[in-house]
Amino acid sequence: MAFGQGNFDIVLSDLNMPNLGGMKLLELLISSGSEVPLIFLTSEKDSDVEGAALAAGAIDFIRKPVNPEVLLTRVRNGISRVRAVIA
């Protein structure tokens, strides 16, 4: 719900959440025409799930536990990549 109320540079989401799963969130973002990039943070180990998430439109897939420096670098890269496409 917060997504519809503001401007975001990037979305970080767990893949497995109660109520609204990450793949459903990605589907909603894409179907709404949003160009905000989504990165999944997850404990999911299945590489097929990773492939499906990336094929569906996620820009990155980071497994937990997350190294803060790696997360920051990937967020920066994701935002830069999207800005380069828009420009």
Protein backbone atom coordinates (compact mmCIF):
# COMPACT_ATOMS: atom_id res chain seq x y z
CA MET A 1 0.00 0.00 0.00
CA ALA A 2 2.90 2.36 0.71
CA PHE A 3 4.15 1.83 -2.82
CA GLY A 4 1.12 3.61 -4.28
CA GLN A 5 1.64 6.61 -2.00
CA GLY A 6 5.14 7.71 -2.93
CA ASN A 7 8.08 7.69 -5.25
CA PHE A 8 10.68 5.00 -4.74
CA ASP A 9 14.08 4.46 -6.33
CA ILE A 10 14.14 0.75 -5.60
CA VAL A 11 12.17 -1.95 -3.78
CA LEU A 12 13.85 -4.50 -1.52
CA SER A 13 11.56 -7.40 -0.74
CA ASP A 14 11.70 -10.80 0.82
CA LEU A 15 10.51 -13.54 -1.47
CA ASN A 16 8.47 -15.37 1.18
CA MET A 17 6.13 -13.07 3.09
CA PRO A 18 2.76 -13.64 4.71
CA ASN A 19 -0.22 -12.12 2.91
CA LEU A 20 1.62 -10.97 -0.23
CA GLY A 21 4.50 -13.05 -1.56
CA GLY A 22 7.42 -11.44 -3.32
CA MET A 23 6.55 -12.88 -6.75
CA LYS A 24 3.02 -11.49 -6.44
CA LEU A 25 4.45 -8.10 -5.44
CA LEU A 26 6.69 -8.18 -8.52
CA GLU A 27 3.71 -9.09 -10.69
CA LEU A 28 1.70 -6.18 -9.25
CA LEU A 29 4.55 -3.73 -9.83
CA ILE A 30 4.96 -4.79 -13.43
CA SER A 31 1.23 -4.86 -14.18
CA SER A 32 0.88 -1.33 -12.76
CA GLY A 33 3.45 -0.09 -15.27
CA SER A 34 5.98 0.71 -12.57
CA GLU A 35 9.60 0.97 -13.60
CA VAL A 36 10.89 0.78 -10.02
CA PRO A 37 13.48 -2.01 -9.81
CA LEU A 38 12.94 -4.83 -7.33
CA ILE A 39 15.66 -6.78 -5.55
CA PHE A 40 14.76 -9.91 -3.64
CA LEU A 41 16.41 -10.61 -0.28
CA THR A 42 15.71 -14.20 0.66
CA SER A 43 16.82 -17.34 2.39
CA GLU A 44 15.55 -19.35 -0.60
CA LYS A 45 18.25 -21.77 -1.72
CA ASP A 46 16.59 -23.11 -4.91
CA SER A 47 18.36 -21.77 -8.01
CA ASP A 48 15.21 -22.45 -10.05
CA VAL A 49 13.34 -19.95 -7.88
CA GLU A 50 16.14 -17.44 -8.44
CA GLY A 51 15.93 -17.98 -12.20
CA ALA A 52 12.15 -17.58 -12.17
CA ALA A 53 12.39 -14.35 -10.15
CA LEU A 54 14.97 -12.85 -12.49
CA ALA A 55 13.04 -13.98 -15.57
CA ALA A 56 9.89 -12.38 -14.13
CA GLY A 57 11.61 -9.01 -13.84
CA ALA A 58 13.53 -8.80 -10.55
CA ILE A 59 16.87 -7.09 -11.11
CA ASP A 60 18.76 -9.02 -8.45
CA PHE A 61 18.42 -11.92 -6.02
CA ILE A 62 20.42 -11.75 -2.80
CA ARG A 63 20.55 -14.63 -0.37
CA LYS A 64 20.47 -14.11 3.39
CA PRO A 65 22.45 -13.56 5.48
CA VAL A 66 23.26 -10.36 3.66
CA ASN A 67 26.60 -8.60 3.86
CA PRO A 68 25.70 -4.89 4.26
CA GLU A 69 28.47 -3.76 1.89
CA VAL A 70 27.32 -6.18 -0.81
CA LEU A 71 23.72 -5.05 -0.35
CA LEU A 72 24.66 -1.39 -0.67
CA THR A 73 26.70 -2.07 -3.82
CA ARG A 74 23.90 -4.04 -5.44
CA VAL A 75 21.32 -1.38 -4.57
CA ARG A 76 23.55 1.32 -6.05
CA ASN A 77 24.13 -0.78 -9.17
CA GLY A 78 20.41 -1.45 -9.54
CA ILE A 79 19.48 2.21 -9.28
CA SER A 80 22.27 3.22 -11.69
CA ARG A 81 21.20 0.59 -14.21
CA VAL A 82 17.59 1.76 -14.19
CA ARG A 83 18.56 5.43 -14.42
CA ALA A 84 20.79 4.64 -17.42
CA VAL A 85 17.87 2.95 -19.20
CA ILE A 86 15.52 5.87 -18.47
CA ALA A 87 18.04 8.54 -19.57
